[in-house]
Each structure stands twice: as structure tokens, then as C-alpha cells.
Amino acid sequence: MYTADPGIGLERGILDRDSLDILTGTTGGHAFSTIELSRAITRIESDALTNYSIAYQPSAKNWDGKYHKLRVTVDRKGVRLQTELGYYAVSRS
């Protein structure tokens, strides 16, 4: 997820840069300021053109309702990974 800091209302606690950084960090995205919107759009377009998606499904016995960290690595040089930091294993039943 990509976010843009609107630069307004931050001092009132409605939204703050730390919240945007946490949100984007947990989804593998990036937070931009409104000053950087051109750069943000260029980055989003570039990332959308060159990506792969992978999925992970824990076994049925591991749906314990807890948060589990994820770590994704790649050996290929020059590759930038954009991953979520983890997931909640909430039972669907």
C-alpha cells in the first residue's frame, strides 16, 4: 500500500506520519509526502509493471489467532522485495 501524507490535520492527531509509516511498512509499501506526488506516481507505475505475487497458506492446525512474522528473501542481486511483515492466523470457522 502506498500513502501520501496530506500535511494537514497531523497536529490534531487525526492522522500522523508514524501511522502512515506503520501502515505502509506492514504492507510492504511506501509513504510519500504530498510534495513528492510526481515521484510517488512514477514509483507506483513502475512497481505495478514489474511484480510477482506469492501466497502462503498455513496448515489447518496453525490457525491459532496469533500474529506470525514473515520473512521473504531472494538471492538475485538488484531485486527489491516489497512484502508484508506478517499475518494474523484467524480461524475462518
PDB file of N, CA and C in Angstrom:
ATOM      1  N   MET A   1       0.834  -1.153   0.000  1.00  0.00           N
ATOM      2  CA  MET A   1       0.000   0.000   0.000  1.00  0.00           C
ATOM      3  C   MET A   1       0.892   1.233   0.000  1.00  0.00           C
ATOM      4  N   TYR A   2       0.517   2.203  -0.795  1.00  0.00           N
ATOM      5  CA  TYR A   2       1.224   3.466  -0.845  1.00  0.00           C
ATOM      6  C   TYR A   2       0.331   4.531  -0.221  1.00  0.00           C
ATOM      7  N   THR A   3       0.917   5.421   0.560  1.00  0.00           N
ATOM      8  CA  THR A   3       0.146   6.504   1.157  1.00  0.00           C
ATOM      9  C   THR A   3       0.821   7.830   0.850  1.00  0.00           C
ATOM     10  N   ALA A   4       0.035   8.895   0.889  1.00  0.00           N
ATOM     11  CA  ALA A   4       0.566  10.248   0.715  1.00  0.00           C
ATOM     12  C   ALA A   4       0.161  11.065   1.924  1.00  0.00           C
ATOM     13  N   ASP A   5       1.125  11.641   2.587  1.00  0.00           N
ATOM     14  CA  ASP A   5       0.902  12.479   3.753  1.00  0.00           C
ATOM     15  C   ASP A   5       0.299  13.794   3.284  1.00  0.00           C
ATOM     16  N   PRO A   6      -0.941  14.084   3.656  1.00  0.00           N
ATOM     17  CA  PRO A   6      -1.576  15.301   3.166  1.00  0.00           C
ATOM     18  C   PRO A   6      -1.032  16.566   3.800  1.00  0.00           C
ATOM     19  N   GLY A   7      -0.301  16.425   4.909  1.00  0.00           N
ATOM     20  CA  GLY A   7       0.281  17.598   5.555  1.00  0.00           C
ATOM     21  C   GLY A   7      -0.729  18.444   6.306  1.00  0.00           C
ATOM     22  N   ILE A   8      -1.955  17.965   6.456  1.00  0.00           N
ATOM     23  CA  ILE A   8      -2.971  18.713   7.200  1.00  0.00           C
ATOM     24  C   ILE A   8      -3.563  17.824   8.284  1.00  0.00           C
ATOM     25  N   GLY A   9      -3.951  18.422   9.375  1.00  0.00           N
ATOM     26  CA  GLY A   9      -4.597  17.693  10.447  1.00  0.00           C
ATOM     27  C   GLY A   9      -3.666  16.789  11.240  1.00  0.00           C
ATOM     28  N   LEU A  10      -2.383  16.798  10.937  1.00  0.00           N
ATOM     29  CA  LEU A  10      -1.466  15.901  11.617  1.00  0.00           C
ATOM     30  C   LEU A  10      -1.270  16.289  13.072  1.00  0.00           C
ATOM     31  N   GLU A  11      -1.267  17.594  13.347  1.00  0.00           N
ATOM     32  CA  GLU A  11      -1.050  18.043  14.710  1.00  0.00           C
ATOM     33  C   GLU A  11      -2.259  17.770  15.599  1.00  0.00           C
ATOM     34  N   ARG A  12      -3.423  17.540  15.021  1.00  0.00           N
ATOM     35  CA  ARG A  12      -4.637  17.276  15.796  1.00  0.00           C
ATOM     36  C   ARG A  12      -4.814  15.800  16.096  1.00  0.00           C
ATOM     37  N   GLY A  13      -3.915  14.969  15.650  1.00  0.00           N
ATOM     38  CA  GLY A  13      -3.991  13.551  15.953  1.00  0.00           C
ATOM     39  C   GLY A  13      -4.947  12.767  15.074  1.00  0.00           C
ATOM     40  N   ILE A  14      -5.483  13.390  14.042  1.00  0.00           N
ATOM     41  CA  ILE A  14      -6.376  12.694  13.123  1.00  0.00           C
ATOM     42  C   ILE A  14      -5.585  11.649  12.356  1.00  0.00           C
ATOM     43  N   LEU A  15      -4.441  12.029  11.939  1.00  0.00           N
ATOM     44  CA  LEU A  15      -3.573  11.188  11.134  1.00  0.00           C
ATOM     45  C   LEU A  15      -2.163  11.676  11.384  1.00  0.00           C
ATOM     46  N   ASP A  16      -1.225  10.783  11.525  1.00  0.00           N
ATOM     47  CA  ASP A  16       0.152  11.237  11.676  1.00  0.00           C
ATOM     48  C   ASP A  16       1.081  10.413  10.804  1.00  0.00           C
ATOM     49  N   ARG A  17       2.243  10.944  10.585  1.00  0.00           N
ATOM     50  CA  ARG A  17       3.209  10.317   9.694  1.00  0.00           C
ATOM     51  C   ARG A  17       3.617   8.935  10.203  1.00  0.00           C
ATOM     52  N   ASP A  18       3.708   8.785  11.523  1.00  0.00           N
ATOM     53  CA  ASP A  18       4.048   7.475  12.081  1.00  0.00           C
ATOM     54  C   ASP A  18       3.008   6.434  11.687  1.00  0.00           C
ATOM     55  N   SER A  19       1.731   6.816  11.718  1.00  0.00           N
ATOM     56  CA  SER A  19       0.660   5.890  11.326  1.00  0.00           C
ATOM     57  C   SER A  19       0.805   5.494   9.866  1.00  0.00           C
ATOM     58  N   LEU A  20       1.116   6.466   9.009  1.00  0.00           N
ATOM     59  CA  LEU A  20       1.300   6.158   7.592  1.00  0.00           C
ATOM     60  C   LEU A  20       2.489   5.227   7.393  1.00  0.00           C
ATOM     61  N   ASP A  21       3.573   5.486   8.116  1.00  0.00           N
ATOM     62  CA  ASP A  21       4.759   4.635   8.007  1.00  0.00           C
ATOM     63  C   ASP A  21       4.467   3.213   8.482  1.00  0.00           C
ATOM     64  N   ILE A  22       3.701   3.078   9.550  1.00  0.00           N
ATOM     65  CA  ILE A  22       3.343   1.748  10.052  1.00  0.00           C
ATOM     66  C   ILE A  22       2.470   1.030   9.032  1.00  0.00           C
ATOM     67  N   LEU A  23       1.475   1.728   8.515  1.00  0.00           N
ATOM     68  CA  LEU A  23       0.566   1.126   7.537  1.00  0.00           C
ATOM     69  C   LEU A  23       1.318   0.657   6.300  1.00  0.00           C
ATOM     70  N   THR A  24       2.154   1.512   5.764  1.00  0.00           N
ATOM     71  CA  THR A  24       2.883   1.127   4.560  1.00  0.00           C
ATOM     72  C   THR A  24       3.958   0.078   4.857  1.00  0.00           C
ATOM     73  N   GLY A  25       4.571   0.161   6.023  1.00  0.00           N
ATOM     74  CA  GLY A  25       5.598  -0.807   6.388  1.00  0.00           C
ATOM     75  C   GLY A  25       5.056  -2.214   6.536  1.00  0.00           C
ATOM     76  N   THR A  26       3.870  -2.339   7.098  1.00  0.00           N
ATOM     77  CA  THR A  26       3.296  -3.671   7.285  1.00  0.00           C
ATOM     78  C   THR A  26       2.775  -4.264   5.989  1.00  0.00           C
ATOM     79  N   THR A  27       2.545  -3.427   4.975  1.00  0.00           N
ATOM     80  CA  THR A  27       2.061  -3.935   3.697  1.00  0.00           C
ATOM     81  C   THR A  27       3.149  -3.982   2.642  1.00  0.00           C
ATOM     82  N   GLY A  28       4.347  -3.508   2.990  1.00  0.00           N
ATOM     83  CA  GLY A  28       5.442  -3.510   2.028  1.00  0.00           C
ATOM     84  C   GLY A  28       5.432  -2.316   1.102  1.00  0.00           C
ATOM     85  N   GLY A  29       4.615  -1.332   1.395  1.00  0.00           N
ATOM     86  CA  GLY A  29       4.500  -0.144   0.544  1.00  0.00           C
ATOM     87  C   GLY A  29       5.467   0.956   0.911  1.00  0.00           C
ATOM     88  N   HIS A  30       5.062   2.185   0.600  1.00  0.00           N
ATOM     89  CA  HIS A  30       5.918   3.339   0.834  1.00  0.00           C
ATOM     90  C   HIS A  30       5.048   4.552   1.119  1.00  0.00           C
ATOM     91  N   ALA A  31       5.473   5.383   2.059  1.00  0.00           N
ATOM     92  CA  ALA A  31       4.762   6.623   2.376  1.00  0.00           C
ATOM     93  C   ALA A  31       5.462   7.791   1.677  1.00  0.00           C
ATOM     94  N   PHE A  32       4.694   8.614   1.013  1.00  0.00           N
ATOM     95  CA  PHE A  32       5.212   9.793   0.326  1.00  0.00           C
ATOM     96  C   PHE A  32       4.582  11.037   0.930  1.00  0.00           C
ATOM     97  N   SER A  33       5.266  12.159   0.823  1.00  0.00           N
ATOM     98  CA  SER A  33       4.653  13.435   1.198  1.00  0.00           C
ATOM     99  C   SER A  33       3.955  13.991  -0.037  1.00  0.00           C
ATOM    100  N   THR A  34       3.044  14.915   0.153  1.00  0.00           N
ATOM    101  CA  THR A  34       2.336  15.479  -0.998  1.00  0.00           C
ATOM    102  C   THR A  34       3.294  16.211  -1.927  1.00  0.00           C
ATOM    103  N   ILE A  35       4.421  16.657  -1.417  1.00  0.00           N
ATOM    104  CA  ILE A  35       5.424  17.323  -2.248  1.00  0.00           C
ATOM    105  C   ILE A  35       6.009  16.345  -3.263  1.00  0.00           C
ATOM    106  N   GLU A  36       5.996  15.060  -2.926  1.00  0.00           N
ATOM    107  CA  GLU A  36       6.591  14.024  -3.763  1.00  0.00           C
ATOM    108  C   GLU A  36       5.581  13.301  -4.657  1.00  0.00           C
ATOM    109  N   LEU A  37       4.438  13.869  -4.910  1.00  0.00           N
ATOM    110  CA  LEU A  37       3.394  13.142  -5.638  1.00  0.00           C
ATOM    111  C   LEU A  37       3.835  12.692  -7.029  1.00  0.00           C
ATOM    112  N   SER A  38       4.571  13.496  -7.741  1.00  0.00           N
ATOM    113  CA  SER A  38       5.056  13.076  -9.068  1.00  0.00           C
ATOM    114  C   SER A  38       5.955  11.858  -8.943  1.00  0.00           C
ATOM    115  N   ARG A  39       6.848  11.898  -7.969  1.00  0.00           N
ATOM    116  CA  ARG A  39       7.741  10.763  -7.731  1.00  0.00           C
ATOM    117  C   ARG A  39       6.942   9.535  -7.295  1.00  0.00           C
ATOM    118  N   ALA A  40       5.924   9.763  -6.467  1.00  0.00           N
ATOM    119  CA  ALA A  40       5.083   8.650  -5.999  1.00  0.00           C
ATOM    120  C   ALA A  40       4.378   7.974  -7.163  1.00  0.00           C
ATOM    121  N   ILE A  41       3.803   8.757  -8.048  1.00  0.00           N
ATOM    122  CA  ILE A  41       3.085   8.197  -9.195  1.00  0.00           C
ATOM    123  C   ILE A  41       4.031   7.413 -10.090  1.00  0.00           C
ATOM    124  N   THR A  42       5.222   7.947 -10.334  1.00  0.00           N
ATOM    125  CA  THR A  42       6.223   7.247 -11.140  1.00  0.00           C
ATOM    126  C   THR A  42       6.593   5.920 -10.488  1.00  0.00           C
ATOM    127  N   ARG A  43       6.806   5.924  -9.180  1.00  0.00           N
ATOM    128  CA  ARG A  43       7.180   4.702  -8.449  1.00  0.00           C
ATOM    129  C   ARG A  43       6.050   3.669  -8.484  1.00  0.00           C
ATOM    130  N   ILE A  44       4.832   4.119  -8.284  1.00  0.00           N
ATOM    131  CA  ILE A  44       3.685   3.209  -8.297  1.00  0.00           C
ATOM    132  C   ILE A  44       3.527   2.569  -9.671  1.00  0.00           C
ATOM    133  N   GLU A  45       3.652   3.365 -10.719  1.00  0.00           N
ATOM    134  CA  GLU A  45       3.551   2.824 -12.081  1.00  0.00           C
ATOM    135  C   GLU A  45       4.645   1.800 -12.340  1.00  0.00           C
ATOM    136  N   SER A  46       5.862   2.127 -11.951  1.00  0.00           N
ATOM    137  CA  SER A  46       6.992   1.225 -12.156  1.00  0.00           C
ATOM    138  C   SER A  46       6.798  -0.085 -11.387  1.00  0.00           C
ATOM    139  N   ASP A  47       6.399   0.021 -10.131  1.00  0.00           N
ATOM    140  CA  ASP A  47       6.187  -1.174  -9.317  1.00  0.00           C
ATOM    141  C   ASP A  47       5.063  -2.039  -9.874  1.00  0.00           C
ATOM    142  N   ALA A  48       4.035  -1.417 -10.418  1.00  0.00           N
ATOM    143  CA  ALA A  48       2.902  -2.166 -10.961  1.00  0.00           C
ATOM    144  C   ALA A  48       3.286  -2.955 -12.216  1.00  0.00           C
ATOM    145  N   LEU A  49       4.278  -2.489 -12.944  1.00  0.00           N
ATOM    146  CA  LEU A  49       4.698  -3.156 -14.172  1.00  0.00           C
ATOM    147  C   LEU A  49       5.632  -4.334 -13.935  1.00  0.00           C
ATOM    148  N   THR A  50       6.309  -4.335 -12.820  1.00  0.00           N
ATOM    149  CA  THR A  50       7.314  -5.359 -12.564  1.00  0.00           C
ATOM    150  C   THR A  50       7.095  -5.989 -11.201  1.00  0.00           C
ATOM    151  N   ASN A  51       6.135  -6.893 -11.115  1.00  0.00           N
ATOM    152  CA  ASN A  51       5.908  -7.528  -9.828  1.00  0.00           C
ATOM    153  C   ASN A  51       5.428  -8.961  -9.995  1.00  0.00           C
ATOM    154  N   TYR A  52       5.625  -9.693  -8.944  1.00  0.00           N
ATOM    155  CA  TYR A  52       5.141 -11.056  -8.835  1.00  0.00           C
ATOM    156  C   TYR A  52       4.372 -11.154  -7.524  1.00  0.00           C
ATOM    157  N   SER A  53       3.410 -12.025  -7.481  1.00  0.00           N
ATOM    158  CA  SER A  53       2.666 -12.255  -6.244  1.00  0.00           C
ATOM    159  C   SER A  53       2.859 -13.702  -5.812  1.00  0.00           C
ATOM    160  N   ILE A  54       3.050 -13.876  -4.513  1.00  0.00           N
ATOM    161  CA  ILE A  54       3.105 -15.220  -3.962  1.00  0.00           C
ATOM    162  C   ILE A  54       2.105 -15.282  -2.811  1.00  0.00           C
ATOM    163  N   ALA A  55       1.663 -16.471  -2.499  1.00  0.00           N
ATOM    164  CA  ALA A  55       0.709 -16.654  -1.402  1.00  0.00           C
ATOM    165  C   ALA A  55       1.215 -17.753  -0.476  1.00  0.00           C
ATOM    166  N   TYR A  56       0.841 -17.635   0.763  1.00  0.00           N
ATOM    167  CA  TYR A  56       1.206 -18.639   1.758  1.00  0.00           C
ATOM    168  C   TYR A  56      -0.054 -19.037   2.506  1.00  0.00           C
ATOM    169  N   GLN A  57      -0.300 -20.310   2.629  1.00  0.00           N
ATOM    170  CA  GLN A  57      -1.463 -20.837   3.340  1.00  0.00           C
ATOM    171  C   GLN A  57      -0.964 -21.756   4.445  1.00  0.00           C
ATOM    172  N   PRO A  58      -1.061 -21.343   5.719  1.00  0.00           N
ATOM    173  CA  PRO A  58      -0.624 -22.243   6.793  1.00  0.00           C
ATOM    174  C   PRO A  58      -1.541 -23.459   6.875  1.00  0.00           C
ATOM    175  N   SER A  59      -1.024 -24.536   7.416  1.00  0.00           N
ATOM    176  CA  SER A  59      -1.852 -25.741   7.555  1.00  0.00           C
ATOM    177  C   SER A  59      -3.008 -25.463   8.515  1.00  0.00           C
ATOM    178  N   ALA A  60      -4.049 -26.244   8.418  1.00  0.00           N
ATOM    179  CA  ALA A  60      -5.267 -26.029   9.207  1.00  0.00           C
ATOM    180  C   ALA A  60      -4.990 -25.987  10.709  1.00  0.00           C
ATOM    181  N   LYS A  61      -4.038 -26.744  11.179  1.00  0.00           N
ATOM    182  CA  LYS A  61      -3.749 -26.787  12.618  1.00  0.00           C
ATOM    183  C   LYS A  61      -3.060 -25.515  13.116  1.00  0.00           C
ATOM    184  N   ASN A  62      -2.584 -24.682  12.207  1.00  0.00           N
ATOM    185  CA  ASN A  62      -1.860 -23.460  12.601  1.00  0.00           C
ATOM    186  C   ASN A  62      -2.715 -22.204  12.610  1.00  0.00           C
ATOM    187  N   TRP A  63      -4.021 -22.309  12.476  1.00  0.00           N
ATOM    188  CA  TRP A  63      -4.895 -21.140  12.554  1.00  0.00           C
ATOM    189  C   TRP A  63      -5.196 -20.876  14.027  1.00  0.00           C
ATOM    190  N   ASP A  64      -4.219 -20.261  14.704  1.00  0.00           N
ATOM    191  CA  ASP A  64      -4.277 -20.103  16.151  1.00  0.00           C
ATOM    192  C   ASP A  64      -4.700 -18.713  16.615  1.00  0.00           C
ATOM    193  N   GLY A  65      -5.055 -17.827  15.698  1.00  0.00           N
ATOM    194  CA  GLY A  65      -5.484 -16.479  16.065  1.00  0.00           C
ATOM    195  C   GLY A  65      -4.340 -15.534  16.422  1.00  0.00           C
ATOM    196  N   LYS A  66      -3.112 -15.972  16.301  1.00  0.00           N
ATOM    197  CA  LYS A  66      -1.952 -15.164  16.671  1.00  0.00           C
ATOM    198  C   LYS A  66      -1.334 -14.501  15.450  1.00  0.00           C
ATOM    199  N   TYR A  67      -0.488 -13.505  15.724  1.00  0.00           N
ATOM    200  CA  TYR A  67       0.276 -12.827  14.675  1.00  0.00           C
ATOM    201  C   TYR A  67       1.543 -13.625  14.419  1.00  0.00           C
ATOM    202  N   HIS A  68       1.852 -13.846  13.153  1.00  0.00           N
ATOM    203  CA  HIS A  68       3.053 -14.576  12.761  1.00  0.00           C
ATOM    204  C   HIS A  68       3.872 -13.706  11.821  1.00  0.00           C
ATOM    205  N   LYS A  69       5.147 -13.543  12.137  1.00  0.00           N
ATOM    206  CA  LYS A  69       6.038 -12.762  11.279  1.00  0.00           C
ATOM    207  C   LYS A  69       6.370 -13.546  10.020  1.00  0.00           C
ATOM    208  N   LEU A  70       6.593 -12.806   8.938  1.00  0.00           N
ATOM    209  CA  LEU A  70       7.027 -13.400   7.679  1.00  0.00           C
ATOM    210  C   LEU A  70       8.380 -12.833   7.302  1.00  0.00           C
ATOM    211  N   ARG A  71       9.159 -13.635   6.639  1.00  0.00           N
ATOM    212  CA  ARG A  71      10.432 -13.162   6.110  1.00  0.00           C
ATOM    213  C   ARG A  71      10.612 -13.775   4.726  1.00  0.00           C
ATOM    214  N   VAL A  72      10.683 -12.913   3.735  1.00  0.00           N
ATOM    215  CA  VAL A  72      10.857 -13.362   2.358  1.00  0.00           C
ATOM    216  C   VAL A  72      12.222 -12.889   1.891  1.00  0.00           C
ATOM    217  N   THR A  73      12.990 -13.788   1.284  1.00  0.00           N
ATOM    218  CA  THR A  73      14.313 -13.431   0.787  1.00  0.00           C
ATOM    219  C   THR A  73      14.459 -13.899  -0.655  1.00  0.00           C
ATOM    220  N   VAL A  74      15.426 -13.313  -1.322  1.00  0.00           N
ATOM    221  CA  VAL A  74      15.734 -13.703  -2.697  1.00  0.00           C
ATOM    222  C   VAL A  74      17.248 -13.581  -2.882  1.00  0.00           C
ATOM    223  N   ASP A  75      17.814 -14.496  -3.637  1.00  0.00           N
ATOM    224  CA  ASP A  75      19.262 -14.493  -3.866  1.00  0.00           C
ATOM    225  C   ASP A  75      19.681 -13.580  -5.014  1.00  0.00           C
ATOM    226  N   ARG A  76      18.755 -13.267  -5.895  1.00  0.00           N
ATOM    227  CA  ARG A  76      19.091 -12.472  -7.083  1.00  0.00           C
ATOM    228  C   ARG A  76      19.428 -11.026  -6.700  1.00  0.00           C
ATOM    229  N   LYS A  77      20.567 -10.565  -7.159  1.00  0.00           N
ATOM    230  CA  LYS A  77      21.003  -9.194  -6.862  1.00  0.00           C
ATOM    231  C   LYS A  77      20.154  -8.177  -7.633  1.00  0.00           C
ATOM    232  N   GLY A  78      19.934  -7.022  -7.030  1.00  0.00           N
ATOM    233  CA  GLY A  78      19.201  -5.949  -7.676  1.00  0.00           C
ATOM    234  C   GLY A  78      17.692  -6.043  -7.549  1.00  0.00           C
ATOM    235  N   VAL A  79      17.215  -7.073  -6.856  1.00  0.00           N
ATOM    236  CA  VAL A  79      15.774  -7.247  -6.680  1.00  0.00           C
ATOM    237  C   VAL A  79      15.364  -6.571  -5.378  1.00  0.00           C
ATOM    238  N   ARG A  80      14.305  -5.778  -5.456  1.00  0.00           N
ATOM    239  CA  ARG A  80      13.764  -5.119  -4.262  1.00  0.00           C
ATOM    240  C   ARG A  80      12.464  -5.820  -3.892  1.00  0.00           C
ATOM    241  N   LEU A  81      12.428  -6.365  -2.694  1.00  0.00           N
ATOM    242  CA  LEU A  81      11.230  -7.061  -2.228  1.00  0.00           C
ATOM    243  C   LEU A  81      10.302  -6.087  -1.516  1.00  0.00           C
ATOM    244  N   GLN A  82       9.049  -6.265  -1.763  1.00  0.00           N
ATOM    245  CA  GLN A  82       8.021  -5.453  -1.141  1.00  0.00           C
ATOM    246  C   GLN A  82       7.045  -6.444  -0.518  1.00  0.00           C
ATOM    247  N   THR A  83       7.179  -6.697   0.776  1.00  0.00           N
ATOM    248  CA  THR A  83       6.408  -7.754   1.412  1.00  0.00           C
ATOM    249  C   THR A  83       5.708  -7.258   2.670  1.00  0.00           C
ATOM    250  N   GLU A  84       4.694  -7.981   3.046  1.00  0.00           N
ATOM    251  CA  GLU A  84       4.070  -7.724   4.338  1.00  0.00           C
ATOM    252  C   GLU A  84       4.975  -8.306   5.408  1.00  0.00           C
ATOM    253  N   LEU A  85       4.885  -7.751   6.619  1.00  0.00           N
ATOM    254  CA  LEU A  85       5.747  -8.202   7.703  1.00  0.00           C
ATOM    255  C   LEU A  85       5.207  -9.432   8.414  1.00  0.00           C
ATOM    256  N   GLY A  86       3.933  -9.744   8.207  1.00  0.00           N
ATOM    257  CA  GLY A  86       3.351 -10.895   8.873  1.00  0.00           C
ATOM    258  C   GLY A  86       1.870 -11.002   8.595  1.00  0.00           C
ATOM    259  N   TYR A  87       1.222 -11.892   9.340  1.00  0.00           N
ATOM    260  CA  TYR A  87      -0.214 -12.108   9.158  1.00  0.00           C
ATOM    261  C   TYR A  87      -0.825 -12.597  10.468  1.00  0.00           C
ATOM    262  N   TYR A  88      -2.121 -12.391  10.607  1.00  0.00           N
ATOM    263  CA  TYR A  88      -2.865 -12.949  11.737  1.00  0.00           C
ATOM    264  C   TYR A  88      -3.524 -14.232  11.276  1.00  0.00           C
ATOM    265  N   ALA A  89      -3.289 -15.321  11.972  1.00  0.00           N
ATOM    266  CA  ALA A  89      -3.842 -16.627  11.609  1.00  0.00           C
ATOM    267  C   ALA A  89      -5.208 -16.791  12.287  1.00  0.00           C
ATOM    268  N   VAL A  90      -6.191 -16.042  11.785  1.00  0.00           N
ATOM    269  CA  VAL A  90      -7.534 -16.059  12.356  1.00  0.00           C
ATOM    270  C   VAL A  90      -8.341 -17.163  11.691  1.00  0.00           C
ATOM    271  N   SER A  91      -8.955 -17.998  12.506  1.00  0.00           N
ATOM    272  CA  SER A  91      -9.758 -19.099  12.001  1.00  0.00           C
ATOM    273  C   SER A  91     -10.958 -18.559  11.217  1.00  0.00           C
ATOM    274  N   ARG A  92     -11.278 -19.196  10.135  1.00  0.00           N
ATOM    275  CA  ARG A  92     -12.390 -18.760   9.294  1.00  0.00           C
ATOM    276  C   ARG A  92     -13.696 -19.459   9.658  1.00  0.00           C
ATOM    277  N   SER A  93     -13.677 -20.299  10.667  1.00  0.00           N
ATOM    278  CA  SER A  93     -14.896 -21.019  11.037  1.00  0.00           C
ATOM    279  C   SER A  93     -15.680 -20.293  12.091  1.00  0.00           C
TER     280      SER A  93
END
